[in-house]
Amino acid sequence: MKTDLGAYFDQYEMMLRHAFWGKMFGVSVDMDLVLIYTPEAQMHLDKIKEDINEIFRDYLIEMVSVVFMSQSDFEKRYRLADRFVLTLMREN
């Protein structure tokens, strides 16, 4: 599944800046997946969400917690030393 998700993220590498793997992938972060996206991705987010849900469904996973965070929000929270963002950085 991680390989399939990674291949999908590679298709959208200009819009999806970074993916942080979470608890479903053995990382001690409260979410299963955190995606950092660029402003260009804003109008494509609905399709990206549907595609990611479909990948999880292919592995018979119906309930998943995915966080989408803009690159500017991520950078702002990093500068403010936000606990969630620092945990992502430390664990990944």
PDB file of N, CA and C in Angstrom:
ATOM      1  N   MET A   1       0.828  -1.179   0.000  1.00  0.00           N
ATOM      2  CA  MET A   1       0.000   0.000   0.000  1.00  0.00           C
ATOM      3  C   MET A   1       0.882   1.256   0.000  1.00  0.00           C
ATOM      4  N   LYS A   2       1.939   1.245   0.798  1.00  0.00           N
ATOM      5  CA  LYS A   2       2.826   2.400   0.862  1.00  0.00           C
ATOM      6  C   LYS A   2       3.459   2.666  -0.509  1.00  0.00           C
ATOM      7  N   THR A   3       3.768   1.596  -1.233  1.00  0.00           N
ATOM      8  CA  THR A   3       4.338   1.736  -2.571  1.00  0.00           C
ATOM      9  C   THR A   3       3.319   2.346  -3.524  1.00  0.00           C
ATOM     10  N   ASP A   4       2.076   1.884  -3.453  1.00  0.00           N
ATOM     11  CA  ASP A   4       1.022   2.433  -4.313  1.00  0.00           C
ATOM     12  C   ASP A   4       0.772   3.913  -4.008  1.00  0.00           C
ATOM     13  N   LEU A   5       0.742   4.252  -2.727  1.00  0.00           N
ATOM     14  CA  LEU A   5       0.555   5.653  -2.353  1.00  0.00           C
ATOM     15  C   LEU A   5       1.737   6.496  -2.825  1.00  0.00           C
ATOM     16  N   GLY A   6       2.945   5.983  -2.639  1.00  0.00           N
ATOM     17  CA  GLY A   6       4.137   6.706  -3.076  1.00  0.00           C
ATOM     18  C   GLY A   6       4.133   6.949  -4.575  1.00  0.00           C
ATOM     19  N   ALA A   7       3.721   5.941  -5.339  1.00  0.00           N
ATOM     20  CA  ALA A   7       3.641   6.094  -6.802  1.00  0.00           C
ATOM     21  C   ALA A   7       2.600   7.150  -7.165  1.00  0.00           C
ATOM     22  N   TYR A   8       1.493   7.168  -6.447  1.00  0.00           N
ATOM     23  CA  TYR A   8       0.461   8.178  -6.700  1.00  0.00           C
ATOM     24  C   TYR A   8       0.990   9.577  -6.381  1.00  0.00           C
ATOM     25  N   PHE A   9       1.689   9.700  -5.247  1.00  0.00           N
ATOM     26  CA  PHE A   9       2.235  11.002  -4.862  1.00  0.00           C
ATOM     27  C   PHE A   9       3.266  11.486  -5.886  1.00  0.00           C
ATOM     28  N   ASP A  10       4.004  10.570  -6.477  1.00  0.00           N
ATOM     29  CA  ASP A  10       4.976  10.941  -7.508  1.00  0.00           C
ATOM     30  C   ASP A  10       4.286  11.563  -8.718  1.00  0.00           C
ATOM     31  N   GLN A  11       3.081  11.105  -9.030  1.00  0.00           N
ATOM     32  CA  GLN A  11       2.327  11.675 -10.151  1.00  0.00           C
ATOM     33  C   GLN A  11       1.976  13.141  -9.896  1.00  0.00           C
ATOM     34  N   TYR A  12       1.786  13.482  -8.632  1.00  0.00           N
ATOM     35  CA  TYR A  12       1.382  14.833  -8.252  1.00  0.00           C
ATOM     36  C   TYR A  12       2.494  15.556  -7.488  1.00  0.00           C
ATOM     37  N   GLU A  13       3.744  15.228  -7.784  1.00  0.00           N
ATOM     38  CA  GLU A  13       4.855  15.768  -7.004  1.00  0.00           C
ATOM     39  C   GLU A  13       4.932  17.298  -7.044  1.00  0.00           C
ATOM     40  N   MET A  14       4.411  17.916  -8.082  1.00  0.00           N
ATOM     41  CA  MET A  14       4.432  19.382  -8.139  1.00  0.00           C
ATOM     42  C   MET A  14       3.379  20.001  -7.217  1.00  0.00           C
ATOM     43  N   MET A  15       2.375  19.227  -6.834  1.00  0.00           N
ATOM     44  CA  MET A  15       1.314  19.744  -5.972  1.00  0.00           C
ATOM     45  C   MET A  15       1.401  19.201  -4.550  1.00  0.00           C
ATOM     46  N   LEU A  16       1.907  17.995  -4.392  1.00  0.00           N
ATOM     47  CA  LEU A  16       2.041  17.390  -3.069  1.00  0.00           C
ATOM     48  C   LEU A  16       3.509  17.440  -2.679  1.00  0.00           C
ATOM     49  N   ARG A  17       3.828  18.366  -1.800  1.00  0.00           N
ATOM     50  CA  ARG A  17       5.226  18.594  -1.438  1.00  0.00           C
ATOM     51  C   ARG A  17       5.814  17.485  -0.579  1.00  0.00           C
ATOM     52  N   HIS A  18       5.026  16.975   0.346  1.00  0.00           N
ATOM     53  CA  HIS A  18       5.575  15.969   1.254  1.00  0.00           C
ATOM     54  C   HIS A  18       4.445  15.124   1.832  1.00  0.00           C
ATOM     55  N   ALA A  19       4.753  13.867   2.063  1.00  0.00           N
ATOM     56  CA  ALA A  19       3.813  12.968   2.741  1.00  0.00           C
ATOM     57  C   ALA A  19       4.489  12.461   4.000  1.00  0.00           C
ATOM     58  N   PHE A  20       3.827  12.612   5.104  1.00  0.00           N
ATOM     59  CA  PHE A  20       4.319  12.084   6.377  1.00  0.00           C
ATOM     60  C   PHE A  20       3.482  10.853   6.711  1.00  0.00           C
ATOM     61  N   TRP A  21       4.132   9.719   6.861  1.00  0.00           N
ATOM     62  CA  TRP A  21       3.453   8.474   7.199  1.00  0.00           C
ATOM     63  C   TRP A  21       3.138   8.482   8.684  1.00  0.00           C
ATOM     64  N   GLY A  22       2.009   7.925   9.054  1.00  0.00           N
ATOM     65  CA  GLY A  22       1.558   7.957  10.444  1.00  0.00           C
ATOM     66  C   GLY A  22       1.387   6.590  11.057  1.00  0.00           C
ATOM     67  N   LYS A  23       0.425   6.497  11.991  1.00  0.00           N
ATOM     68  CA  LYS A  23       0.273   5.304  12.826  1.00  0.00           C
ATOM     69  C   LYS A  23      -0.013   4.039  12.031  1.00  0.00           C
ATOM     70  N   MET A  24      -0.706   4.144  10.908  1.00  0.00           N
ATOM     71  CA  MET A  24      -0.980   2.956  10.104  1.00  0.00           C
ATOM     72  C   MET A  24       0.313   2.360   9.530  1.00  0.00           C
ATOM     73  N   PHE A  25       1.345   3.186   9.441  1.00  0.00           N
ATOM     74  CA  PHE A  25       2.616   2.761   8.863  1.00  0.00           C
ATOM     75  C   PHE A  25       3.702   2.605   9.927  1.00  0.00           C
ATOM     76  N   GLY A  26       3.283   2.507  11.176  1.00  0.00           N
ATOM     77  CA  GLY A  26       4.225   2.237  12.254  1.00  0.00           C
ATOM     78  C   GLY A  26       4.930   3.452  12.823  1.00  0.00           C
ATOM     79  N   VAL A  27       4.438   4.631  12.550  1.00  0.00           N
ATOM     80  CA  VAL A  27       5.038   5.864  13.066  1.00  0.00           C
ATOM     81  C   VAL A  27       4.124   6.410  14.154  1.00  0.00           C
ATOM     82  N   SER A  28       4.721   6.875  15.235  1.00  0.00           N
ATOM     83  CA  SER A  28       3.899   7.313  16.363  1.00  0.00           C
ATOM     84  C   SER A  28       3.386   8.741  16.178  1.00  0.00           C
ATOM     85  N   VAL A  29       2.512   8.892  15.213  1.00  0.00           N
ATOM     86  CA  VAL A  29       1.797  10.144  14.947  1.00  0.00           C
ATOM     87  C   VAL A  29       0.315   9.787  14.981  1.00  0.00           C
ATOM     88  N   ASP A  30      -0.504  10.682  15.543  1.00  0.00           N
ATOM     89  CA  ASP A  30      -1.926  10.377  15.733  1.00  0.00           C
ATOM     90  C   ASP A  30      -2.703  10.158  14.445  1.00  0.00           C
ATOM     91  N   MET A  31      -2.245  10.673  13.335  1.00  0.00           N
ATOM     92  CA  MET A  31      -2.920  10.526  12.044  1.00  0.00           C
ATOM     93  C   MET A  31      -2.296   9.377  11.262  1.00  0.00           C
ATOM     94  N   ASP A  32      -3.016   8.877  10.259  1.00  0.00           N
ATOM     95  CA  ASP A  32      -2.474   7.815   9.412  1.00  0.00           C
ATOM     96  C   ASP A  32      -1.580   8.373   8.309  1.00  0.00           C
ATOM     97  N   LEU A  33      -1.919   9.564   7.832  1.00  0.00           N
ATOM     98  CA  LEU A  33      -1.176  10.160   6.728  1.00  0.00           C
ATOM     99  C   LEU A  33      -1.378  11.666   6.780  1.00  0.00           C
ATOM    100  N   VAL A  34      -0.293  12.420   6.603  1.00  0.00           N
ATOM    101  CA  VAL A  34      -0.374  13.878   6.541  1.00  0.00           C
ATOM    102  C   VAL A  34       0.253  14.301   5.223  1.00  0.00           C
ATOM    103  N   LEU A  35      -0.503  15.049   4.423  1.00  0.00           N
ATOM    104  CA  LEU A  35      -0.030  15.506   3.121  1.00  0.00           C
ATOM    105  C   LEU A  35       0.109  17.022   3.125  1.00  0.00           C
ATOM    106  N   ILE A  36       1.276  17.480   2.692  1.00  0.00           N
ATOM    107  CA  ILE A  36       1.533  18.904   2.568  1.00  0.00           C
ATOM    108  C   ILE A  36       1.386  19.261   1.089  1.00  0.00           C
ATOM    109  N   TYR A  37       0.503  20.201   0.789  1.00  0.00           N
ATOM    110  CA  TYR A  37       0.223  20.539  -0.604  1.00  0.00           C
ATOM    111  C   TYR A  37       0.547  21.998  -0.911  1.00  0.00           C
ATOM    112  N   THR A  38       0.782  22.272  -2.189  1.00  0.00           N
ATOM    113  CA  THR A  38       1.083  23.620  -2.662  1.00  0.00           C
ATOM    114  C   THR A  38      -0.215  24.351  -2.995  1.00  0.00           C
ATOM    115  N   PRO A  39      -0.143  25.661  -3.190  1.00  0.00           N
ATOM    116  CA  PRO A  39      -1.364  26.404  -3.568  1.00  0.00           C
ATOM    117  C   PRO A  39      -1.987  25.904  -4.875  1.00  0.00           C
ATOM    118  N   GLU A  40      -1.163  25.394  -5.781  1.00  0.00           N
ATOM    119  CA  GLU A  40      -1.679  24.892  -7.057  1.00  0.00           C
ATOM    120  C   GLU A  40      -2.594  23.675  -6.870  1.00  0.00           C
ATOM    121  N   ALA A  41      -2.421  22.966  -5.790  1.00  0.00           N
ATOM    122  CA  ALA A  41      -3.198  21.753  -5.543  1.00  0.00           C
ATOM    123  C   ALA A  41      -4.604  22.051  -5.035  1.00  0.00           C
ATOM    124  N   GLN A  42      -4.834  23.263  -4.597  1.00  0.00           N
ATOM    125  CA  GLN A  42      -6.115  23.603  -3.969  1.00  0.00           C
ATOM    126  C   GLN A  42      -7.313  23.193  -4.818  1.00  0.00           C
ATOM    127  N   MET A  43      -7.273  23.452  -6.113  1.00  0.00           N
ATOM    128  CA  MET A  43      -8.435  23.125  -6.932  1.00  0.00           C
ATOM    129  C   MET A  43      -8.508  21.648  -7.307  1.00  0.00           C
ATOM    130  N   HIS A  44      -7.483  20.872  -6.983  1.00  0.00           N
ATOM    131  CA  HIS A  44      -7.470  19.441  -7.283  1.00  0.00           C
ATOM    132  C   HIS A  44      -7.650  18.570  -6.036  1.00  0.00           C
ATOM    133  N   LEU A  45      -7.821  19.195  -4.876  1.00  0.00           N
ATOM    134  CA  LEU A  45      -7.867  18.438  -3.627  1.00  0.00           C
ATOM    135  C   LEU A  45      -8.987  17.403  -3.586  1.00  0.00           C
ATOM    136  N   ASP A  46     -10.145  17.722  -4.114  1.00  0.00           N
ATOM    137  CA  ASP A  46     -11.250  16.755  -4.079  1.00  0.00           C
ATOM    138  C   ASP A  46     -10.895  15.484  -4.846  1.00  0.00           C
ATOM    139  N   LYS A  47     -10.294  15.632  -6.005  1.00  0.00           N
ATOM    140  CA  LYS A  47      -9.886  14.460  -6.785  1.00  0.00           C
ATOM    141  C   LYS A  47      -8.783  13.687  -6.073  1.00  0.00           C
ATOM    142  N   ILE A  48      -7.827  14.394  -5.512  1.00  0.00           N
ATOM    143  CA  ILE A  48      -6.730  13.737  -4.794  1.00  0.00           C
ATOM    144  C   ILE A  48      -7.286  12.957  -3.605  1.00  0.00           C
ATOM    145  N   LYS A  49      -8.217  13.533  -2.881  1.00  0.00           N
ATOM    146  CA  LYS A  49      -8.837  12.844  -1.741  1.00  0.00           C
ATOM    147  C   LYS A  49      -9.557  11.583  -2.194  1.00  0.00           C
ATOM    148  N   GLU A  50     -10.320  11.687  -3.266  1.00  0.00           N
ATOM    149  CA  GLU A  50     -11.022  10.505  -3.790  1.00  0.00           C
ATOM    150  C   GLU A  50     -10.041   9.411  -4.196  1.00  0.00           C
ATOM    151  N   ASP A  51      -8.977   9.791  -4.884  1.00  0.00           N
ATOM    152  CA  ASP A  51      -7.984   8.813  -5.337  1.00  0.00           C
ATOM    153  C   ASP A  51      -7.297   8.124  -4.165  1.00  0.00           C
ATOM    154  N   ILE A  52      -6.969   8.891  -3.140  1.00  0.00           N
ATOM    155  CA  ILE A  52      -6.313   8.305  -1.960  1.00  0.00           C
ATOM    156  C   ILE A  52      -7.272   7.365  -1.247  1.00  0.00           C
ATOM    157  N   ASN A  53      -8.529   7.765  -1.119  1.00  0.00           N
ATOM    158  CA  ASN A  53      -9.523   6.874  -0.509  1.00  0.00           C
ATOM    159  C   ASN A  53      -9.638   5.577  -1.294  1.00  0.00           C
ATOM    160  N   GLU A  54      -9.597   5.670  -2.601  1.00  0.00           N
ATOM    161  CA  GLU A  54      -9.694   4.470  -3.449  1.00  0.00           C
ATOM    162  C   GLU A  54      -8.498   3.539  -3.235  1.00  0.00           C
ATOM    163  N   ILE A  55      -7.330   4.105  -3.078  1.00  0.00           N
ATOM    164  CA  ILE A  55      -6.147   3.266  -2.807  1.00  0.00           C
ATOM    165  C   ILE A  55      -6.323   2.517  -1.495  1.00  0.00           C
ATOM    166  N   PHE A  56      -6.796   3.199  -0.462  1.00  0.00           N
ATOM    167  CA  PHE A  56      -7.021   2.526   0.820  1.00  0.00           C
ATOM    168  C   PHE A  56      -8.111   1.459   0.690  1.00  0.00           C
ATOM    169  N   ARG A  57      -9.163   1.750  -0.064  1.00  0.00           N
ATOM    170  CA  ARG A  57     -10.235   0.759  -0.260  1.00  0.00           C
ATOM    171  C   ARG A  57      -9.722  -0.480  -0.986  1.00  0.00           C
ATOM    172  N   ASP A  58      -8.765  -0.300  -1.898  1.00  0.00           N
ATOM    173  CA  ASP A  58      -8.174  -1.446  -2.587  1.00  0.00           C
ATOM    174  C   ASP A  58      -7.529  -2.423  -1.604  1.00  0.00           C
ATOM    175  N   TYR A  59      -7.134  -1.923  -0.437  1.00  0.00           N
ATOM    176  CA  TYR A  59      -6.549  -2.756   0.614  1.00  0.00           C
ATOM    177  C   TYR A  59      -7.553  -3.057   1.725  1.00  0.00           C
ATOM    178  N   LEU A  60      -8.836  -2.855   1.402  1.00  0.00           N
ATOM    179  CA  LEU A  60      -9.944  -3.134   2.311  1.00  0.00           C
ATOM    180  C   LEU A  60      -9.886  -2.310   3.595  1.00  0.00           C
ATOM    181  N   ILE A  61      -9.410  -1.082   3.472  1.00  0.00           N
ATOM    182  CA  ILE A  61      -9.354  -0.163   4.606  1.00  0.00           C
ATOM    183  C   ILE A  61     -10.372   0.939   4.336  1.00  0.00           C
ATOM    184  N   GLU A  62     -11.387   0.996   5.178  1.00  0.00           N
ATOM    185  CA  GLU A  62     -12.455   1.977   4.994  1.00  0.00           C
ATOM    186  C   GLU A  62     -12.249   3.234   5.836  1.00  0.00           C
ATOM    187  N   MET A  63     -11.737   3.067   7.036  1.00  0.00           N
ATOM    188  CA  MET A  63     -11.561   4.200   7.949  1.00  0.00           C
ATOM    189  C   MET A  63     -10.087   4.568   8.020  1.00  0.00           C
ATOM    190  N   VAL A  64      -9.798   5.786   7.616  1.00  0.00           N
ATOM    191  CA  VAL A  64      -8.418   6.272   7.630  1.00  0.00           C
ATOM    192  C   VAL A  64      -8.444   7.757   7.960  1.00  0.00           C
ATOM    193  N   SER A  65      -7.449   8.206   8.707  1.00  0.00           N
ATOM    194  CA  SER A  65      -7.378   9.635   9.034  1.00  0.00           C
ATOM    195  C   SER A  65      -6.225  10.262   8.252  1.00  0.00           C
ATOM    196  N   VAL A  66      -6.603  11.107   7.304  1.00  0.00           N
ATOM    197  CA  VAL A  66      -5.638  11.792   6.451  1.00  0.00           C
ATOM    198  C   VAL A  66      -5.809  13.286   6.673  1.00  0.00           C
ATOM    199  N   VAL A  67      -4.693  13.964   6.910  1.00  0.00           N
ATOM    200  CA  VAL A  67      -4.712  15.405   7.105  1.00  0.00           C
ATOM    201  C   VAL A  67      -4.077  16.053   5.886  1.00  0.00           C
ATOM    202  N   PHE A  68      -4.768  17.032   5.322  1.00  0.00           N
ATOM    203  CA  PHE A  68      -4.230  17.838   4.234  1.00  0.00           C
ATOM    204  C   PHE A  68      -3.891  19.206   4.814  1.00  0.00           C
ATOM    205  N   MET A  69      -2.645  19.610   4.650  1.00  0.00           N
ATOM    206  CA  MET A  69      -2.191  20.878   5.205  1.00  0.00           C
ATOM    207  C   MET A  69      -1.453  21.646   4.110  1.00  0.00           C
ATOM    208  N   SER A  70      -1.798  22.910   3.953  1.00  0.00           N
ATOM    209  CA  SER A  70      -1.112  23.707   2.937  1.00  0.00           C
ATOM    210  C   SER A  70       0.343  23.904   3.345  1.00  0.00           C
ATOM    211  N   GLN A  71       1.166  24.118   2.360  1.00  0.00           N
ATOM    212  CA  GLN A  71       2.584  24.313   2.621  1.00  0.00           C
ATOM    213  C   GLN A  71       2.811  25.547   3.490  1.00  0.00           C
ATOM    214  N   SER A  72       2.051  26.599   3.264  1.00  0.00           N
ATOM    215  CA  SER A  72       2.210  27.815   4.064  1.00  0.00           C
ATOM    216  C   SER A  72       1.791  27.581   5.511  1.00  0.00           C
ATOM    217  N   ASP A  73       0.705  26.827   5.741  1.00  0.00           N
ATOM    218  CA  ASP A  73       0.303  26.501   7.113  1.00  0.00           C
ATOM    219  C   ASP A  73       1.356  25.651   7.808  1.00  0.00           C
ATOM    220  N   PHE A  74       1.890  24.685   7.075  1.00  0.00           N
ATOM    221  CA  PHE A  74       2.925  23.827   7.641  1.00  0.00           C
ATOM    222  C   PHE A  74       4.145  24.657   8.036  1.00  0.00           C
ATOM    223  N   GLU A  75       4.592  25.551   7.165  1.00  0.00           N
ATOM    224  CA  GLU A  75       5.765  26.385   7.463  1.00  0.00           C
ATOM    225  C   GLU A  75       5.497  27.315   8.641  1.00  0.00           C
ATOM    226  N   LYS A  76       4.279  27.885   8.690  1.00  0.00           N
ATOM    227  CA  LYS A  76       3.918  28.765   9.796  1.00  0.00           C
ATOM    228  C   LYS A  76       3.927  27.988  11.117  1.00  0.00           C
ATOM    229  N   ARG A  77       3.334  26.812  11.112  1.00  0.00           N
ATOM    230  CA  ARG A  77       3.287  26.004  12.334  1.00  0.00           C
ATOM    231  C   ARG A  77       4.685  25.524  12.734  1.00  0.00           C
ATOM    232  N   TYR A  78       5.548  25.287  11.750  1.00  0.00           N
ATOM    233  CA  TYR A  78       6.931  24.895  12.036  1.00  0.00           C
ATOM    234  C   TYR A  78       7.676  26.052  12.709  1.00  0.00           C
ATOM    235  N   ARG A  79       7.511  27.267  12.189  1.00  0.00           N
ATOM    236  CA  ARG A  79       8.167  28.441  12.782  1.00  0.00           C
ATOM    237  C   ARG A  79       7.673  28.697  14.203  1.00  0.00           C
ATOM    238  N   LEU A  80       6.416  28.381  14.448  1.00  0.00           N
ATOM    239  CA  LEU A  80       5.848  28.573  15.788  1.00  0.00           C
ATOM    240  C   LEU A  80       6.151  27.405  16.722  1.00  0.00           C
ATOM    241  N   ALA A  81       6.893  26.431  16.224  1.00  0.00           N
ATOM    242  CA  ALA A  81       7.258  25.239  16.990  1.00  0.00           C
ATOM    243  C   ALA A  81       6.011  24.483  17.457  1.00  0.00           C
ATOM    244  N   ASP A  82       5.045  24.359  16.560  1.00  0.00           N
ATOM    245  CA  ASP A  82       3.815  23.630  16.838  1.00  0.00           C
ATOM    246  C   ASP A  82       4.145  22.169  17.151  1.00  0.00           C
ATOM    247  N   ARG A  83       3.559  21.665  18.193  1.00  0.00           N
ATOM    248  CA  ARG A  83       3.862  20.304  18.654  1.00  0.00           C
ATOM    249  C   ARG A  83       3.578  19.237  17.581  1.00  0.00           C
ATOM    250  N   PHE A  84       2.440  19.346  16.901  1.00  0.00           N
ATOM    251  CA  PHE A  84       2.068  18.376  15.878  1.00  0.00           C
ATOM    252  C   PHE A  84       3.099  18.352  14.747  1.00  0.00           C
ATOM    253  N   VAL A  85       3.480  19.511  14.243  1.00  0.00           N
ATOM    254  CA  VAL A  85       4.438  19.598  13.145  1.00  0.00           C
ATOM    255  C   VAL A  85       5.813  19.108  13.587  1.00  0.00           C
ATOM    256  N   LEU A  86       6.226  19.469  14.777  1.00  0.00           N
ATOM    257  CA  LEU A  86       7.530  19.002  15.269  1.00  0.00           C
ATOM    258  C   LEU A  86       7.549  17.488  15.450  1.00  0.00           C
ATOM    259  N   THR A  87       6.426  16.921  15.869  1.00  0.00           N
ATOM    260  CA  THR A  87       6.335  15.460  15.975  1.00  0.00           C
ATOM    261  C   THR A  87       6.459  14.814  14.607  1.00  0.00           C
ATOM    262  N   LEU A  88       5.794  15.388  13.611  1.00  0.00           N
ATOM    263  CA  LEU A  88       5.919  14.872  12.242  1.00  0.00           C
ATOM    264  C   LEU A  88       7.367  14.888  11.787  1.00  0.00           C
ATOM    265  N   MET A  89       8.030  15.992  12.000  1.00  0.00           N
ATOM    266  CA  MET A  89       9.427  16.130  11.568  1.00  0.00           C
ATOM    267  C   MET A  89      10.329  15.134  12.295  1.00  0.00           C
ATOM    268  N   ARG A  90      10.126  14.972  13.575  1.00  0.00           N
ATOM    269  CA  ARG A  90      10.968  14.085  14.374  1.00  0.00           C
ATOM    270  C   ARG A  90      10.730  12.608  13.994  1.00  0.00           C
ATOM    271  N   GLU A  91       9.481  12.226  13.796  1.00  0.00           N
ATOM    272  CA  GLU A  91       9.163  10.822  13.556  1.00  0.00           C
ATOM    273  C   GLU A  91       9.425  10.391  12.114  1.00  0.00           C
ATOM    274  N   ASN A  92       9.447  11.320  11.182  1.00  0.00           N
ATOM    275  CA  ASN A  92       9.654  10.978   9.780  1.00  0.00           C
ATOM    276  C   ASN A  92      11.022  11.431   9.369  1.00  0.00           C
TER     277      ASN A  92
END
